[in-house]
Amino acid sequence: MGLMLSPGDDDGASPDISWSYFGFSLFWQWLAEVEGFTLAEMDGFGGDRPWCSVSTTLAPLLDHPDDEGDLTPAQCVAMLPRLEAILDQQQPDDSDPVLLRRLDDLSQLVTVMRFCSGKDVGLIFG
């Protein structure tokens, strides 16, 4: 059992990304750390820190239920520059398989979100 993020275009050939729930959790935690906060401190993730206390364009993505709903095309467009910047800023070290995995996941997510933006469709969590 896992989680898939895919465009809301009903086309099985469209790009998607999938994780186990554990892998998804690790990726989300990493993204939050890159953005300067700890996900476990946030409301809805075991902590009581409100989302309005963090400044990141990735909040709609990070504070999204992992098994339902979608992100709008406009939200994808708004988050893409930050996701692309993270991808460009990270210097992969071939000896760090965890970082390489996170960057591969991020690259796939960027591909899916670009597709959603280009086709003007939402990003479905399912």
C-alpha atoms as a PDB file:
ATOM      1  CA  MET A   1       0.000   0.000   0.000  1.00  0.00           C
ATOM      2  CA  GLY A   2       1.310   3.417  -0.838  1.00  0.00           C
ATOM      3  CA  LEU A   3       0.617   6.839  -2.178  1.00  0.00           C
ATOM      4  CA  MET A   4       0.569   8.118  -5.753  1.00  0.00           C
ATOM      5  CA  LEU A   5       0.566  11.713  -6.940  1.00  0.00           C
ATOM      6  CA  SER A   6      -0.724  12.070 -10.466  1.00  0.00           C
ATOM      7  CA  PRO A   7      -2.258  14.648 -12.789  1.00  0.00           C
ATOM      8  CA  GLY A   8      -6.036  14.878 -12.735  1.00  0.00           C
ATOM      9  CA  ASP A   9      -6.294  14.283 -16.473  1.00  0.00           C
ATOM     10  CA  ASP A  10      -7.563  10.678 -16.399  1.00  0.00           C
ATOM     11  CA  ASP A  11      -4.748   9.639 -18.773  1.00  0.00           C
ATOM     12  CA  GLY A  12      -2.866   6.558 -17.600  1.00  0.00           C
ATOM     13  CA  ALA A  13       0.114   7.579 -19.725  1.00  0.00           C
ATOM     14  CA  SER A  14       0.656  10.846 -17.815  1.00  0.00           C
ATOM     15  CA  PRO A  15       3.672  11.016 -15.474  1.00  0.00           C
ATOM     16  CA  ASP A  16       3.157  10.161 -11.833  1.00  0.00           C
ATOM     17  CA  ILE A  17       5.168   9.481  -8.724  1.00  0.00           C
ATOM     18  CA  SER A  18       4.538   6.954  -6.003  1.00  0.00           C
ATOM     19  CA  TRP A  19       5.970   6.124  -2.624  1.00  0.00           C
ATOM     20  CA  SER A  20       5.312   3.765   0.224  1.00  0.00           C
ATOM     21  CA  TYR A  21       3.710   5.736   3.054  1.00  0.00           C
ATOM     22  CA  PHE A  22       6.991   5.491   4.957  1.00  0.00           C
ATOM     23  CA  GLY A  23       8.992   6.733   1.961  1.00  0.00           C
ATOM     24  CA  PHE A  24       6.517   9.572   1.462  1.00  0.00           C
ATOM     25  CA  SER A  25       6.884  10.566   5.120  1.00  0.00           C
ATOM     26  CA  LEU A  26      10.676  10.613   4.839  1.00  0.00           C
ATOM     27  CA  PHE A  27      10.511  12.751   1.688  1.00  0.00           C
ATOM     28  CA  TRP A  28       8.091  15.232   3.278  1.00  0.00           C
ATOM     29  CA  GLN A  29      10.297  15.481   6.387  1.00  0.00           C
ATOM     30  CA  TRP A  30      13.322  16.199   4.182  1.00  0.00           C
ATOM     31  CA  LEU A  31      11.457  18.900   2.234  1.00  0.00           C
ATOM     32  CA  ALA A  32      10.406  20.573   5.484  1.00  0.00           C
ATOM     33  CA  GLU A  33      13.996  20.489   6.746  1.00  0.00           C
ATOM     34  CA  VAL A  34      15.202  22.060   3.493  1.00  0.00           C
ATOM     35  CA  GLU A  35      12.616  24.792   4.110  1.00  0.00           C
ATOM     36  CA  GLY A  36      13.972  25.359   7.618  1.00  0.00           C
ATOM     37  CA  PHE A  37      11.493  23.681   9.934  1.00  0.00           C
ATOM     38  CA  THR A  38      10.750  20.288  11.443  1.00  0.00           C
ATOM     39  CA  LEU A  39       7.555  18.667  10.188  1.00  0.00           C
ATOM     40  CA  ALA A  40       6.966  16.868  13.506  1.00  0.00           C
ATOM     41  CA  GLU A  41       6.587  20.261  15.210  1.00  0.00           C
ATOM     42  CA  MET A  42       3.740  21.284  12.905  1.00  0.00           C
ATOM     43  CA  ASP A  43       0.024  21.156  13.625  1.00  0.00           C
ATOM     44  CA  GLY A  44      -1.337  17.977  12.091  1.00  0.00           C
ATOM     45  CA  PHE A  45       2.004  16.181  12.332  1.00  0.00           C
ATOM     46  CA  GLY A  46       2.230  15.710  16.085  1.00  0.00           C
ATOM     47  CA  GLY A  47       3.166  19.248  17.076  1.00  0.00           C
ATOM     48  CA  ASP A  48       1.247  22.402  17.764  1.00  0.00           C
ATOM     49  CA  ARG A  49       3.126  24.921  15.626  1.00  0.00           C
ATOM     50  CA  PRO A  50       0.662  26.620  13.276  1.00  0.00           C
ATOM     51  CA  TRP A  51       1.341  26.594   9.543  1.00  0.00           C
ATOM     52  CA  CYS A  52       1.004  30.366   9.407  1.00  0.00           C
ATOM     53  CA  SER A  53       4.252  30.537  11.430  1.00  0.00           C
ATOM     54  CA  VAL A  54       6.377  29.176   8.563  1.00  0.00           C
ATOM     55  CA  SER A  55       7.208  31.058   5.424  1.00  0.00           C
ATOM     56  CA  THR A  56       7.327  28.665   2.497  1.00  0.00           C
ATOM     57  CA  THR A  57       5.513  28.474  -0.798  1.00  0.00           C
ATOM     58  CA  LEU A  58       5.483  24.707  -0.234  1.00  0.00           C
ATOM     59  CA  ALA A  59       2.959  24.883   2.629  1.00  0.00           C
ATOM     60  CA  PRO A  60       0.025  23.714   0.442  1.00  0.00           C
ATOM     61  CA  LEU A  61       2.060  20.629  -0.470  1.00  0.00           C
ATOM     62  CA  LEU A  62       3.506  19.876   2.953  1.00  0.00           C
ATOM     63  CA  ASP A  63       0.263  20.505   4.842  1.00  0.00           C
ATOM     64  CA  HIS A  64      -1.870  18.369   2.550  1.00  0.00           C
ATOM     65  CA  PRO A  65      -3.633  15.141   3.554  1.00  0.00           C
ATOM     66  CA  ASP A  66      -1.574  12.329   2.109  1.00  0.00           C
ATOM     67  CA  ASP A  67      -4.423  10.184   0.886  1.00  0.00           C
ATOM     68  CA  GLU A  68      -7.120  12.401  -0.600  1.00  0.00           C
ATOM     69  CA  GLY A  69      -7.836  15.610  -2.427  1.00  0.00           C
ATOM     70  CA  ASP A  70      -5.757  17.532  -4.868  1.00  0.00           C
ATOM     71  CA  LEU A  71      -3.704  20.634  -5.414  1.00  0.00           C
ATOM     72  CA  THR A  72      -4.928  23.118  -7.986  1.00  0.00           C
ATOM     73  CA  PRO A  73      -2.978  23.947 -11.136  1.00  0.00           C
ATOM     74  CA  ALA A  74      -2.374  27.437  -9.673  1.00  0.00           C
ATOM     75  CA  GLN A  75      -0.860  25.906  -6.524  1.00  0.00           C
ATOM     76  CA  CYS A  76       1.419  23.752  -8.686  1.00  0.00           C
ATOM     77  CA  VAL A  77       2.523  26.815 -10.667  1.00  0.00           C
ATOM     78  CA  ALA A  78       3.224  28.733  -7.449  1.00  0.00           C
ATOM     79  CA  MET A  79       5.321  25.933  -5.922  1.00  0.00           C
ATOM     80  CA  LEU A  80       7.302  24.907  -8.994  1.00  0.00           C
ATOM     81  CA  PRO A  81       9.956  27.646  -8.814  1.00  0.00           C
ATOM     82  CA  ARG A  82      10.816  26.734  -5.214  1.00  0.00           C
ATOM     83  CA  LEU A  83      10.916  22.999  -5.941  1.00  0.00           C
ATOM     84  CA  GLU A  84      13.121  23.614  -8.978  1.00  0.00           C
ATOM     85  CA  ALA A  85      15.401  25.867  -6.920  1.00  0.00           C
ATOM     86  CA  ILE A  86      15.809  23.165  -4.276  1.00  0.00           C
ATOM     87  CA  LEU A  87      16.668  20.680  -6.997  1.00  0.00           C
ATOM     88  CA  ASP A  88      19.218  23.073  -8.522  1.00  0.00           C
ATOM     89  CA  GLN A  89      20.791  24.025  -5.173  1.00  0.00           C
ATOM     90  CA  GLN A  90      21.425  20.525  -3.887  1.00  0.00           C
ATOM     91  CA  GLN A  91      24.861  19.168  -4.650  1.00  0.00           C
ATOM     92  CA  PRO A  92      24.424  15.415  -4.897  1.00  0.00           C
ATOM     93  CA  ASP A  93      27.153  13.374  -3.323  1.00  0.00           C
ATOM     94  CA  ASP A  94      27.350   9.973  -4.971  1.00  0.00           C
ATOM     95  CA  SER A  95      28.279   8.502  -1.600  1.00  0.00           C
ATOM     96  CA  ASP A  96      24.989   9.649  -0.022  1.00  0.00           C
ATOM     97  CA  PRO A  97      22.275   7.279  -1.275  1.00  0.00           C
ATOM     98  CA  VAL A  98      19.604   8.922   0.894  1.00  0.00           C
ATOM     99  CA  LEU A  99      20.170  12.356  -0.650  1.00  0.00           C
ATOM    100  CA  LEU A 100      20.269  10.819  -4.121  1.00  0.00           C
ATOM    101  CA  ARG A 101      16.891   9.199  -3.444  1.00  0.00           C
ATOM    102  CA  ARG A 102      15.373  12.472  -2.190  1.00  0.00           C
ATOM    103  CA  LEU A 103      16.641  14.316  -5.263  1.00  0.00           C
ATOM    104  CA  ASP A 104      15.271  11.630  -7.572  1.00  0.00           C
ATOM    105  CA  ASP A 105      11.900  11.869  -5.832  1.00  0.00           C
ATOM    106  CA  LEU A 106      11.998  15.654  -6.108  1.00  0.00           C
ATOM    107  CA  SER A 107      12.877  15.475  -9.791  1.00  0.00           C
ATOM    108  CA  GLN A 108       9.920  13.173 -10.431  1.00  0.00           C
ATOM    109  CA  LEU A 109       7.605  15.447  -8.431  1.00  0.00           C
ATOM    110  CA  VAL A 110       8.761  18.472 -10.451  1.00  0.00           C
ATOM    111  CA  THR A 111       8.059  16.566 -13.679  1.00  0.00           C
ATOM    112  CA  VAL A 112       4.520  15.735 -12.557  1.00  0.00           C
ATOM    113  CA  MET A 113       3.836  19.260 -11.337  1.00  0.00           C
ATOM    114  CA  ARG A 114       5.146  20.760 -14.587  1.00  0.00           C
ATOM    115  CA  PHE A 115       2.774  18.467 -16.455  1.00  0.00           C
ATOM    116  CA  CYS A 116      -0.139  19.555 -14.237  1.00  0.00           C
ATOM    117  CA  SER A 117       0.742  23.197 -14.798  1.00  0.00           C
ATOM    118  CA  GLY A 118       1.087  22.771 -18.554  1.00  0.00           C
ATOM    119  CA  LYS A 119      -2.187  20.891 -18.916  1.00  0.00           C
ATOM    120  CA  ASP A 120      -3.999  23.075 -16.346  1.00  0.00           C
ATOM    121  CA  VAL A 121      -5.042  20.078 -14.254  1.00  0.00           C
ATOM    122  CA  GLY A 122      -4.821  19.435 -10.534  1.00  0.00           C
ATOM    123  CA  LEU A 123      -2.350  17.187  -8.753  1.00  0.00           C
ATOM    124  CA  ILE A 124      -4.281  14.253  -7.301  1.00  0.00           C
ATOM    125  CA  PHE A 125      -3.258  12.533  -4.064  1.00  0.00           C
ATOM    126  CA  GLY A 126      -4.418   8.955  -4.024  1.00  0.00           C
END
